[in-house]
Amino acid sequence: ESQVDQNALTETRIVRLKEQFEQLDALRAELASARLQIPT
């Protein structure tokens, strides 16, 4: 039962990572804009 719960949590994390990966280009563009406002 514990392994089933752990598997469900892992699947949720995988779905979340896939969603974040799909937003990677947008996040990179947001980071580039932020670095123009506050440079390194």
PDB file of all heavy atoms in Angstrom:
ATOM      1  N   GLU A   1       0.827  -1.208   0.000  1.00  0.00           N
ATOM      2  CA  GLU A   1       0.000   0.000   0.000  1.00  0.00           C
ATOM      3  C   GLU A   1       0.862   1.259   0.000  1.00  0.00           C
ATOM      4  O   GLU A   1       0.565   2.235  -0.691  1.00  0.00           O
ATOM      5  CB  GLU A   1      -0.934  -0.018   1.217  1.00  0.00           C
ATOM      6  CG  GLU A   1      -1.984  -1.119   1.164  1.00  0.00           C
ATOM      7  CD  GLU A   1      -2.802  -1.176   2.442  1.00  0.00           C
ATOM      8  OE1 GLU A   1      -2.450  -0.434   3.394  1.00  0.00           O
ATOM      9  OE2 GLU A   1      -3.785  -1.945   2.492  1.00  0.00           O
ATOM     10  N   SER A   2       1.948   1.215   0.777  1.00  0.00           N
ATOM     11  CA  SER A   2       2.861   2.360   0.804  1.00  0.00           C
ATOM     12  C   SER A   2       3.512   2.589  -0.557  1.00  0.00           C
ATOM     13  O   SER A   2       3.665   3.723  -1.009  1.00  0.00           O
ATOM     14  CB  SER A   2       3.932   2.149   1.875  1.00  0.00           C
ATOM     15  OG  SER A   2       4.874   3.208   1.863  1.00  0.00           O
ATOM     16  N   GLN A   3       3.874   1.486  -1.227  1.00  0.00           N
ATOM     17  CA  GLN A   3       4.496   1.607  -2.551  1.00  0.00           C
ATOM     18  C   GLN A   3       3.503   2.149  -3.574  1.00  0.00           C
ATOM     19  O   GLN A   3       3.867   2.943  -4.443  1.00  0.00           O
ATOM     20  CB  GLN A   3       5.021   0.239  -2.997  1.00  0.00           C
ATOM     21  CG  GLN A   3       5.823   0.291  -4.286  1.00  0.00           C
ATOM     22  CD  GLN A   3       7.064   1.150  -4.158  1.00  0.00           C
ATOM     23  OE1 GLN A   3       7.804   1.030  -3.189  1.00  0.00           O
ATOM     24  NE2 GLN A   3       7.294   2.019  -5.128  1.00  0.00           N
ATOM     25  N   VAL A   4       2.228   1.755  -3.441  1.00  0.00           N
ATOM     26  CA  VAL A   4       1.195   2.285  -4.333  1.00  0.00           C
ATOM     27  C   VAL A   4       1.064   3.800  -4.146  1.00  0.00           C
ATOM     28  O   VAL A   4       0.972   4.560  -5.117  1.00  0.00           O
ATOM     29  CB  VAL A   4      -0.149   1.577  -4.083  1.00  0.00           C
ATOM     30  CG1 VAL A   4      -1.280   2.286  -4.816  1.00  0.00           C
ATOM     31  CG2 VAL A   4      -0.072   0.128  -4.532  1.00  0.00           C
ATOM     32  N   ASP A   5       1.042   4.240  -2.890  1.00  0.00           N
ATOM     33  CA  ASP A   5       0.969   5.680  -2.625  1.00  0.00           C
ATOM     34  C   ASP A   5       2.193   6.397  -3.184  1.00  0.00           C
ATOM     35  O   ASP A   5       2.079   7.497  -3.749  1.00  0.00           O
ATOM     36  CB  ASP A   5       0.853   5.933  -1.124  1.00  0.00           C
ATOM     37  CG  ASP A   5      -0.454   5.400  -0.553  1.00  0.00           C
ATOM     38  OD1 ASP A   5      -1.405   5.222  -1.347  1.00  0.00           O
ATOM     39  OD2 ASP A   5      -0.529   5.168   0.674  1.00  0.00           O
ATOM     40  N   GLN A   6       3.381   5.799  -3.016  1.00  0.00           N
ATOM     41  CA  GLN A   6       4.605   6.403  -3.524  1.00  0.00           C
ATOM     42  C   GLN A   6       4.575   6.476  -5.052  1.00  0.00           C
ATOM     43  O   GLN A   6       5.008   7.480  -5.643  1.00  0.00           O
ATOM     44  CB  GLN A   6       5.818   5.604  -3.051  1.00  0.00           C
ATOM     45  CG  GLN A   6       7.165   6.217  -3.428  1.00  0.00           C
ATOM     46  CD  GLN A   6       7.405   7.532  -2.722  1.00  0.00           C
ATOM     47  OE1 GLN A   6       6.933   7.743  -1.619  1.00  0.00           O
ATOM     48  NE2 GLN A   6       8.145   8.433  -3.367  1.00  0.00           N
ATOM     49  N   ASN A   7       4.052   5.432  -5.683  1.00  0.00           N
ATOM     50  CA  ASN A   7       3.946   5.439  -7.139  1.00  0.00           C
ATOM     51  C   ASN A   7       3.000   6.550  -7.619  1.00  0.00           C
ATOM     52  O   ASN A   7       3.270   7.227  -8.622  1.00  0.00           O
ATOM     53  CB  ASN A   7       3.467   4.085  -7.648  1.00  0.00           C
ATOM     54  CG  ASN A   7       4.505   2.995  -7.451  1.00  0.00           C
ATOM     55  OD1 ASN A   7       5.677   3.270  -7.241  1.00  0.00           O
ATOM     56  ND2 ASN A   7       4.065   1.745  -7.495  1.00  0.00           N
ATOM     57  N   ALA A   8       1.891   6.715  -6.905  1.00  0.00           N
ATOM     58  CA  ALA A   8       0.945   7.771  -7.268  1.00  0.00           C
ATOM     59  C   ALA A   8       1.593   9.150  -7.130  1.00  0.00           C
ATOM     60  O   ALA A   8       1.408  10.031  -7.974  1.00  0.00           O
ATOM     61  CB  ALA A   8      -0.311   7.681  -6.397  1.00  0.00           C
ATOM     62  N   LEU A   9       2.373   9.351  -6.052  1.00  0.00           N
ATOM     63  CA  LEU A   9       3.070  10.617  -5.858  1.00  0.00           C
ATOM     64  C   LEU A   9       4.101  10.855  -6.957  1.00  0.00           C
ATOM     65  O   LEU A   9       4.244  11.976  -7.472  1.00  0.00           O
ATOM     66  CB  LEU A   9       3.740  10.629  -4.477  1.00  0.00           C
ATOM     67  CG  LEU A   9       4.500  11.902  -4.098  1.00  0.00           C
ATOM     68  CD1 LEU A   9       3.569  13.103  -4.096  1.00  0.00           C
ATOM     69  CD2 LEU A   9       5.156  11.743  -2.722  1.00  0.00           C
ATOM     70  N   THR A  10       4.804   9.794  -7.335  1.00  0.00           N
ATOM     71  CA  THR A  10       5.799   9.911  -8.410  1.00  0.00           C
ATOM     72  C   THR A  10       5.134  10.269  -9.730  1.00  0.00           C
ATOM     73  O   THR A  10       5.635  11.106 -10.491  1.00  0.00           O
ATOM     74  CB  THR A  10       6.576   8.594  -8.544  1.00  0.00           C
ATOM     75  OG1 THR A  10       7.223   8.290  -7.307  1.00  0.00           O
ATOM     76  CG2 THR A  10       7.627   8.703  -9.630  1.00  0.00           C
ATOM     77  N   GLU A  11       3.995   9.650 -10.013  1.00  0.00           N
ATOM     78  CA  GLU A  11       3.272   9.964 -11.240  1.00  0.00           C
ATOM     79  C   GLU A  11       2.820  11.425 -11.241  1.00  0.00           C
ATOM     80  O   GLU A  11       2.885  12.108 -12.270  1.00  0.00           O
ATOM     81  CB  GLU A  11       2.070   9.035 -11.385  1.00  0.00           C
ATOM     82  CG  GLU A  11       2.451   7.587 -11.680  1.00  0.00           C
ATOM     83  CD  GLU A  11       1.232   6.683 -11.763  1.00  0.00           C
ATOM     84  OE1 GLU A  11       0.106   7.204 -11.558  1.00  0.00           O
ATOM     85  OE2 GLU A  11       1.398   5.483 -12.032  1.00  0.00           O
ATOM     86  N   THR A  12       2.376  11.932 -10.077  1.00  0.00           N
ATOM     87  CA  THR A  12       1.979  13.340  -9.986  1.00  0.00           C
ATOM     88  C   THR A  12       3.165  14.262 -10.259  1.00  0.00           C
ATOM     89  O   THR A  12       3.040  15.269 -10.961  1.00  0.00           O
ATOM     90  CB  THR A  12       1.395  13.630  -8.598  1.00  0.00           C
ATOM     91  OG1 THR A  12       0.283  12.772  -8.352  1.00  0.00           O
ATOM     92  CG2 THR A  12       0.944  15.079  -8.493  1.00  0.00           C
ATOM     93  N   ARG A  13       4.323  13.905  -9.704  1.00  0.00           N
ATOM     94  CA  ARG A  13       5.518  14.715  -9.932  1.00  0.00           C
ATOM     95  C   ARG A  13       5.930  14.684 -11.399  1.00  0.00           C
ATOM     96  O   ARG A  13       6.362  15.699 -11.949  1.00  0.00           O
ATOM     97  CB  ARG A  13       6.652  14.212  -9.050  1.00  0.00           C
ATOM     98  CG  ARG A  13       6.459  14.484  -7.561  1.00  0.00           C
ATOM     99  CD  ARG A  13       7.586  13.884  -6.751  1.00  0.00           C
ATOM    100  NE  ARG A  13       7.438  14.206  -5.331  1.00  0.00           N
ATOM    101  CZ  ARG A  13       8.234  13.725  -4.364  1.00  0.00           C
ATOM    102  NH1 ARG A  13       9.223  12.882  -4.694  1.00  0.00           N
ATOM    103  NH2 ARG A  13       8.039  14.057  -3.110  1.00  0.00           N
ATOM    104  N   ILE A  14       5.787  13.518 -12.039  1.00  0.00           N
ATOM    105  CA  ILE A  14       6.146  13.413 -13.459  1.00  0.00           C
ATOM    106  C   ILE A  14       5.242  14.306 -14.297  1.00  0.00           C
ATOM    107  O   ILE A  14       5.695  15.008 -15.210  1.00  0.00           O
ATOM    108  CB  ILE A  14       6.067  11.942 -13.914  1.00  0.00           C
ATOM    109  CG1 ILE A  14       7.174  11.118 -13.249  1.00  0.00           C
ATOM    110  CG2 ILE A  14       6.178  11.844 -15.433  1.00  0.00           C
ATOM    111  CD1 ILE A  14       7.096   9.639 -13.533  1.00  0.00           C
ATOM    112  N   VAL A  15       3.947  14.292 -13.981  1.00  0.00           N
ATOM    113  CA  VAL A  15       3.009  15.159 -14.709  1.00  0.00           C
ATOM    114  C   VAL A  15       3.369  16.627 -14.501  1.00  0.00           C
ATOM    115  O   VAL A  15       3.366  17.424 -15.447  1.00  0.00           O
ATOM    116  CB  VAL A  15       1.568  14.883 -14.241  1.00  0.00           C
ATOM    117  CG1 VAL A  15       0.607  15.906 -14.842  1.00  0.00           C
ATOM    118  CG2 VAL A  15       1.148  13.467 -14.625  1.00  0.00           C
ATOM    119  N   ARG A  16       3.730  16.982 -13.263  1.00  0.00           N
ATOM    120  CA  ARG A  16       4.113  18.371 -12.969  1.00  0.00           C
ATOM    121  C   ARG A  16       5.390  18.760 -13.725  1.00  0.00           C
ATOM    122  O   ARG A  16       5.480  19.859 -14.280  1.00  0.00           O
ATOM    123  CB  ARG A  16       4.330  18.527 -11.452  1.00  0.00           C
ATOM    124  CG  ARG A  16       4.760  19.908 -11.024  1.00  0.00           C
ATOM    125  CD  ARG A  16       3.630  20.897 -11.146  1.00  0.00           C
ATOM    126  NE  ARG A  16       4.050  22.213 -10.709  1.00  0.00           N
ATOM    127  CZ  ARG A  16       4.038  22.625  -9.447  1.00  0.00           C
ATOM    128  NH1 ARG A  16       3.631  21.783  -8.484  1.00  0.00           N
ATOM    129  NH2 ARG A  16       4.399  23.839  -9.128  1.00  0.00           N
ATOM    130  N   LEU A  17       6.351  17.856 -13.785  1.00  0.00           N
ATOM    131  CA  LEU A  17       7.593  18.132 -14.509  1.00  0.00           C
ATOM    132  C   LEU A  17       7.332  18.287 -16.004  1.00  0.00           C
ATOM    133  O   LEU A  17       7.948  19.138 -16.661  1.00  0.00           O
ATOM    134  CB  LEU A  17       8.614  17.016 -14.248  1.00  0.00           C
ATOM    135  CG  LEU A  17       9.219  16.977 -12.846  1.00  0.00           C
ATOM    136  CD1 LEU A  17      10.100  15.744 -12.692  1.00  0.00           C
ATOM    137  CD2 LEU A  17      10.026  18.231 -12.560  1.00  0.00           C
ATOM    138  N   LYS A  18       6.433  17.481 -16.551  1.00  0.00           N
ATOM    139  CA  LYS A  18       6.089  17.604 -17.966  1.00  0.00           C
ATOM    140  C   LYS A  18       5.460  18.966 -18.240  1.00  0.00           C
ATOM    141  O   LYS A  18       5.759  19.613 -19.255  1.00  0.00           O
ATOM    142  CB  LYS A  18       5.138  16.482 -18.375  1.00  0.00           C
ATOM    143  CG  LYS A  18       5.801  15.104 -18.468  1.00  0.00           C
ATOM    144  CD  LYS A  18       4.809  14.044 -18.921  1.00  0.00           C
ATOM    145  CE  LYS A  18       5.481  12.684 -19.061  1.00  0.00           C
ATOM    146  NZ  LYS A  18       4.520  11.624 -19.483  1.00  0.00           N
ATOM    147  N   GLU A  19       4.568  19.409 -17.351  1.00  0.00           N
ATOM    148  CA  GLU A  19       3.950  20.718 -17.523  1.00  0.00           C
ATOM    149  C   GLU A  19       5.002  21.836 -17.448  1.00  0.00           C
ATOM    150  O   GLU A  19       4.964  22.785 -18.237  1.00  0.00           O
ATOM    151  CB  GLU A  19       2.876  20.935 -16.448  1.00  0.00           C
ATOM    152  CG  GLU A  19       1.678  19.998 -16.586  1.00  0.00           C
ATOM    153  CD  GLU A  19       0.702  20.172 -15.445  1.00  0.00           C
ATOM    154  OE1 GLU A  19       1.031  20.922 -14.490  1.00  0.00           O
ATOM    155  OE2 GLU A  19      -0.390  19.586 -15.502  1.00  0.00           O
ATOM    156  N   GLN A  20       5.925  21.725 -16.490  1.00  0.00           N
ATOM    157  CA  GLN A  20       6.976  22.727 -16.374  1.00  0.00           C
ATOM    158  C   GLN A  20       7.902  22.712 -17.588  1.00  0.00           C
ATOM    159  O   GLN A  20       8.361  23.766 -18.031  1.00  0.00           O
ATOM    160  CB  GLN A  20       7.770  22.497 -15.089  1.00  0.00           C
ATOM    161  CG  GLN A  20       6.981  22.768 -13.820  1.00  0.00           C
ATOM    162  CD  GLN A  20       7.783  22.488 -12.570  1.00  0.00           C
ATOM    163  OE1 GLN A  20       8.858  21.866 -12.627  1.00  0.00           O
ATOM    164  NE2 GLN A  20       7.279  22.929 -11.434  1.00  0.00           N
ATOM    165  N   PHE A  21       8.166  21.510 -18.123  1.00  0.00           N
ATOM    166  CA  PHE A  21       9.027  21.414 -19.305  1.00  0.00           C
ATOM    167  C   PHE A  21       8.374  22.091 -20.502  1.00  0.00           C
ATOM    168  O   PHE A  21       9.046  22.737 -21.310  1.00  0.00           O
ATOM    169  CB  PHE A  21       9.321  19.945 -19.612  1.00  0.00           C
ATOM    170  CG  PHE A  21      10.231  19.758 -20.795  1.00  0.00           C
ATOM    171  CD1 PHE A  21      11.597  19.959 -20.675  1.00  0.00           C
ATOM    172  CD2 PHE A  21       9.713  19.389 -22.031  1.00  0.00           C
ATOM    173  CE1 PHE A  21      12.445  19.797 -21.769  1.00  0.00           C
ATOM    174  CE2 PHE A  21      10.550  19.219 -23.123  1.00  0.00           C
ATOM    175  CZ  PHE A  21      11.914  19.431 -22.988  1.00  0.00           C
ATOM    176  N   GLU A  22       7.048  21.950 -20.617  1.00  0.00           N
ATOM    177  CA  GLU A  22       6.344  22.598 -21.712  1.00  0.00           C
ATOM    178  C   GLU A  22       6.395  24.120 -21.576  1.00  0.00           C
ATOM    179  O   GLU A  22       6.291  24.834 -22.574  1.00  0.00           O
ATOM    180  CB  GLU A  22       4.885  22.120 -21.752  1.00  0.00           C
ATOM    181  CG  GLU A  22       4.746  20.646 -22.124  1.00  0.00           C
ATOM    182  CD  GLU A  22       3.317  20.166 -22.018  1.00  0.00           C
ATOM    183  OE1 GLU A  22       2.464  20.959 -21.564  1.00  0.00           O
ATOM    184  OE2 GLU A  22       3.046  19.003 -22.393  1.00  0.00           O
ATOM    185  N   GLN A  23       6.556  24.631 -20.337  1.00  0.00           N
ATOM    186  CA  GLN A  23       6.630  26.070 -20.106  1.00  0.00           C
ATOM    187  C   GLN A  23       8.070  26.567 -20.045  1.00  0.00           C
ATOM    188  O   GLN A  23       8.309  27.727 -19.703  1.00  0.00           O
ATOM    189  CB  GLN A  23       5.928  26.420 -18.788  1.00  0.00           C
ATOM    190  CG  GLN A  23       4.461  26.041 -18.755  1.00  0.00           C
ATOM    191  CD  GLN A  23       3.842  26.273 -17.389  1.00  0.00           C
ATOM    192  OE1 GLN A  23       4.523  26.633 -16.438  1.00  0.00           O
ATOM    193  NE2 GLN A  23       2.545  26.062 -17.294  1.00  0.00           N
ATOM    194  N   LEU A  24       9.022  25.710 -20.408  1.00  0.00           N
ATOM    195  CA  LEU A  24      10.428  26.063 -20.259  1.00  0.00           C
ATOM    196  C   LEU A  24      10.803  27.275 -21.101  1.00  0.00           C
ATOM    197  O   LEU A  24      11.497  28.179 -20.626  1.00  0.00           O
ATOM    198  CB  LEU A  24      11.305  24.860 -20.632  1.00  0.00           C
ATOM    199  CG  LEU A  24      12.814  25.027 -20.390  1.00  0.00           C
ATOM    200  CD1 LEU A  24      13.092  25.307 -18.926  1.00  0.00           C
ATOM    201  CD2 LEU A  24      13.560  23.765 -20.833  1.00  0.00           C
ATOM    202  N   ASP A  25      10.333  27.337 -22.336  1.00  0.00           N
ATOM    203  CA  ASP A  25      10.666  28.475 -23.203  1.00  0.00           C
ATOM    204  C   ASP A  25      10.102  29.777 -22.639  1.00  0.00           C
ATOM    205  O   ASP A  25      10.772  30.816 -22.658  1.00  0.00           O
ATOM    206  CB  ASP A  25      10.131  28.223 -24.611  1.00  0.00           C
ATOM    207  CG  ASP A  25      10.866  27.091 -25.319  1.00  0.00           C
ATOM    208  OD1 ASP A  25      12.012  26.785 -24.899  1.00  0.00           O
ATOM    209  OD2 ASP A  25      10.305  26.511 -26.263  1.00  0.00           O
ATOM    210  N   ALA A  26       8.874  29.711 -22.133  1.00  0.00           N
ATOM    211  CA  ALA A  26       8.270  30.910 -21.555  1.00  0.00           C
ATOM    212  C   ALA A  26       9.033  31.355 -20.299  1.00  0.00           C
ATOM    213  O   ALA A  26       9.233  32.553 -20.073  1.00  0.00           O
ATOM    214  CB  ALA A  26       6.800  30.657 -21.217  1.00  0.00           C
ATOM    215  N   LEU A  27       9.457  30.384 -19.486  1.00  0.00           N
ATOM    216  CA  LEU A  27      10.218  30.713 -18.287  1.00  0.00           C
ATOM    217  C   LEU A  27      11.578  31.312 -18.646  1.00  0.00           C
ATOM    218  O   LEU A  27      12.055  32.245 -17.981  1.00  0.00           O
ATOM    219  CB  LEU A  27      10.395  29.467 -17.420  1.00  0.00           C
ATOM    220  CG  LEU A  27       9.119  28.892 -16.794  1.00  0.00           C
ATOM    221  CD1 LEU A  27       9.421  27.588 -16.071  1.00  0.00           C
ATOM    222  CD2 LEU A  27       8.509  29.901 -15.824  1.00  0.00           C
ATOM    223  N   ARG A  28      12.206  30.791 -19.692  1.00  0.00           N
ATOM    224  CA  ARG A  28      13.482  31.348 -20.132  1.00  0.00           C
ATOM    225  C   ARG A  28      13.308  32.780 -20.619  1.00  0.00           C
ATOM    226  O   ARG A  28      14.142  33.655 -20.339  1.00  0.00           O
ATOM    227  CB  ARG A  28      14.072  30.479 -21.232  1.00  0.00           C
ATOM    228  CG  ARG A  28      14.664  29.158 -20.731  1.00  0.00           C
ATOM    229  CD  ARG A  28      15.119  28.291 -21.885  1.00  0.00           C
ATOM    230  NE  ARG A  28      15.795  27.086 -21.410  1.00  0.00           N
ATOM    231  CZ  ARG A  28      16.156  26.081 -22.195  1.00  0.00           C
ATOM    232  NH1 ARG A  28      15.917  26.147 -23.504  1.00  0.00           N
ATOM    233  NH2 ARG A  28      16.763  25.017 -21.689  1.00  0.00           N
ATOM    234  N   ALA A  29      12.223  33.046 -21.349  1.00  0.00           N
ATOM    235  CA  ALA A  29      11.961  34.412 -21.814  1.00  0.00           C
ATOM    236  C   ALA A  29      11.698  35.346 -20.637  1.00  0.00           C
ATOM    237  O   ALA A  29      12.162  36.491 -20.620  1.00  0.00           O
ATOM    238  CB  ALA A  29      10.763  34.412 -22.769  1.00  0.00           C
ATOM    239  N   GLU A  30      10.975  34.841 -19.633  1.00  0.00           N
ATOM    240  CA  GLU A  30      10.712  35.656 -18.442  1.00  0.00           C
ATOM    241  C   GLU A  30      12.001  35.950 -17.693  1.00  0.00           C
ATOM    242  O   GLU A  30      12.210  37.065 -17.201  1.00  0.00           O
ATOM    243  CB  GLU A  30       9.727  34.915 -17.540  1.00  0.00           C
ATOM    244  CG  GLU A  30       9.296  35.707 -16.315  1.00  0.00           C
ATOM    245  CD  GLU A  30       8.286  34.966 -15.463  1.00  0.00           C
ATOM    246  OE1 GLU A  30       7.790  33.911 -15.914  1.00  0.00           O
ATOM    247  OE2 GLU A  30       7.995  35.445 -14.349  1.00  0.00           O
ATOM    248  N   LEU A  31      12.893  34.953 -17.616  1.00  0.00           N
ATOM    249  CA  LEU A  31      14.175  35.158 -16.950  1.00  0.00           C
ATOM    250  C   LEU A  31      15.020  36.175 -17.709  1.00  0.00           C
ATOM    251  O   LEU A  31      15.664  37.036 -17.102  1.00  0.00           O
ATOM    252  CB  LEU A  31      14.920  33.824 -16.839  1.00  0.00           C
ATOM    253  CG  LEU A  31      16.336  33.891 -16.251  1.00  0.00           C
ATOM    254  CD1 LEU A  31      16.310  34.445 -14.833  1.00  0.00           C
ATOM    255  CD2 LEU A  31      16.992  32.517 -16.274  1.00  0.00           C
ATOM    256  N   ALA A  32      15.011  36.089 -19.035  1.00  0.00           N
ATOM    257  CA  ALA A  32      15.788  37.048 -19.830  1.00  0.00           C
ATOM    258  C   ALA A  32      15.273  38.461 -19.624  1.00  0.00           C
ATOM    259  O   ALA A  32      16.059  39.417 -19.512  1.00  0.00           O
ATOM    260  CB  ALA A  32      15.713  36.659 -21.307  1.00  0.00           C
ATOM    261  N   SER A  33      13.944  38.622 -19.545  1.00  0.00           N
ATOM    262  CA  SER A  33      13.371  39.947 -19.295  1.00  0.00           C
ATOM    263  C   SER A  33      13.743  40.447 -17.906  1.00  0.00           C
ATOM    264  O   SER A  33      14.065  41.629 -17.725  1.00  0.00           O
ATOM    265  CB  SER A  33      11.847  39.881 -19.444  1.00  0.00           C
ATOM    266  OG  SER A  33      11.254  41.117 -19.117  1.00  0.00           O
ATOM    267  N   ALA A  34      13.716  39.546 -16.918  1.00  0.00           N
ATOM    268  CA  ALA A  34      14.075  39.940 -15.549  1.00  0.00           C
ATOM    269  C   ALA A  34      15.540  40.354 -15.464  1.00  0.00           C
ATOM    270  O   ALA A  34      15.889  41.280 -14.724  1.00  0.00           O
ATOM    271  CB  ALA A  34      13.780  38.805 -14.581  1.00  0.00           C
ATOM    272  N   ARG A  35      16.408  39.694 -16.244  1.00  0.00           N
ATOM    273  CA  ARG A  35      17.825  40.041 -16.211  1.00  0.00           C
ATOM    274  C   ARG A  35      18.099  41.375 -16.890  1.00  0.00           C
ATOM    275  O   ARG A  35      19.140  41.982 -16.651  1.00  0.00           O
ATOM    276  CB  ARG A  35      18.642  38.928 -16.861  1.00  0.00           C
ATOM    277  CG  ARG A  35      18.802  37.719 -15.957  1.00  0.00           C
ATOM    278  CD  ARG A  35      19.663  36.645 -16.586  1.00  0.00           C
ATOM    279  NE  ARG A  35      19.964  35.582 -15.628  1.00  0.00           N
ATOM    280  CZ  ARG A  35      20.608  34.470 -15.939  1.00  0.00           C
ATOM    281  NH1 ARG A  35      21.020  34.273 -17.181  1.00  0.00           N
ATOM    282  NH2 ARG A  35      20.848  33.550 -15.016  1.00  0.00           N
ATOM    283  N   LEU A  36      17.193  41.816 -17.755  1.00  0.00           N
ATOM    284  CA  LEU A  36      17.326  43.162 -18.312  1.00  0.00           C
ATOM    285  C   LEU A  36      16.978  44.203 -17.250  1.00  0.00           C
ATOM    286  O   LEU A  36      17.597  45.264 -17.180  1.00  0.00           O
ATOM    287  CB  LEU A  36      16.416  43.324 -19.530  1.00  0.00           C
ATOM    288  CG  LEU A  36      16.800  42.534 -20.785  1.00  0.00           C
ATOM    289  CD1 LEU A  36      15.759  42.737 -21.873  1.00  0.00           C
ATOM    290  CD2 LEU A  36      18.178  42.946 -21.279  1.00  0.00           C
ATOM    291  N   GLN A  37      15.974  43.917 -16.433  1.00  0.00           N
ATOM    292  CA  GLN A  37      15.570  44.845 -15.381  1.00  0.00           C
ATOM    293  C   GLN A  37      16.584  44.862 -14.239  1.00  0.00           C
ATOM    294  O   GLN A  37      16.910  45.936 -13.708  1.00  0.00           O
ATOM    295  CB  GLN A  37      14.190  44.461 -14.846  1.00  0.00           C
ATOM    296  CG  GLN A  37      13.086  44.583 -15.884  1.00  0.00           C
ATOM    297  CD  GLN A  37      11.739  44.185 -15.319  1.00  0.00           C
ATOM    298  OE1 GLN A  37      11.627  43.681 -14.197  1.00  0.00           O
ATOM    299  NE2 GLN A  37      10.696  44.396 -16.092  1.00  0.00           N
ATOM    300  N   ILE A  38      17.049  43.686 -13.840  1.00  0.00           N
ATOM    301  CA  ILE A  38      18.051  43.577 -12.778  1.00  0.00           C
ATOM    302  C   ILE A  38      19.182  42.711 -13.317  1.00  0.00           C
ATOM    303  O   ILE A  38      19.123  41.485 -13.233  1.00  0.00           O
ATOM    304  CB  ILE A  38      17.452  42.964 -11.495  1.00  0.00           C
ATOM    305  CG1 ILE A  38      16.263  43.788 -11.010  1.00  0.00           C
ATOM    306  CG2 ILE A  38      18.508  42.886 -10.393  1.00  0.00           C
ATOM    307  CD1 ILE A  38      15.586  43.237  -9.777  1.00  0.00           C
ATOM    308  N   PRO A  39      20.208  43.316 -13.901  1.00  0.00           N
ATOM    309  CA  PRO A  39      21.270  42.528 -14.543  1.00  0.00           C
ATOM    310  C   PRO A  39      22.149  41.825 -13.527  1.00  0.00           C
ATOM    311  O   PRO A  39      22.074  42.070 -12.314  1.00  0.00           O
ATOM    312  CB  PRO A  39      22.049  43.587 -15.333  1.00  0.00           C
ATOM    313  CG  PRO A  39      21.808  44.855 -14.589  1.00  0.00           C
ATOM    314  CD  PRO A  39      20.412  44.765 -14.041  1.00  0.00           C
ATOM    315  N   THR A  40      23.015  40.959 -14.054  1.00  0.00           N
ATOM    316  CA  THR A  40      23.919  40.199 -13.195  1.00  0.00           C
ATOM    317  C   THR A  40      25.251  40.909 -12.982  1.00  0.00           C
ATOM    318  O   THR A  40      26.109  40.385 -12.281  1.00  0.00           O
ATOM    319  CB  THR A  40      24.183  38.813 -13.814  1.00  0.00           C
ATOM    320  OG1 THR A  40      24.731  38.984 -15.132  1.00  0.00           O
ATOM    321  CG2 THR A  40      22.890  38.020 -13.919  1.00  0.00           C
TER     322      THR A  40
END
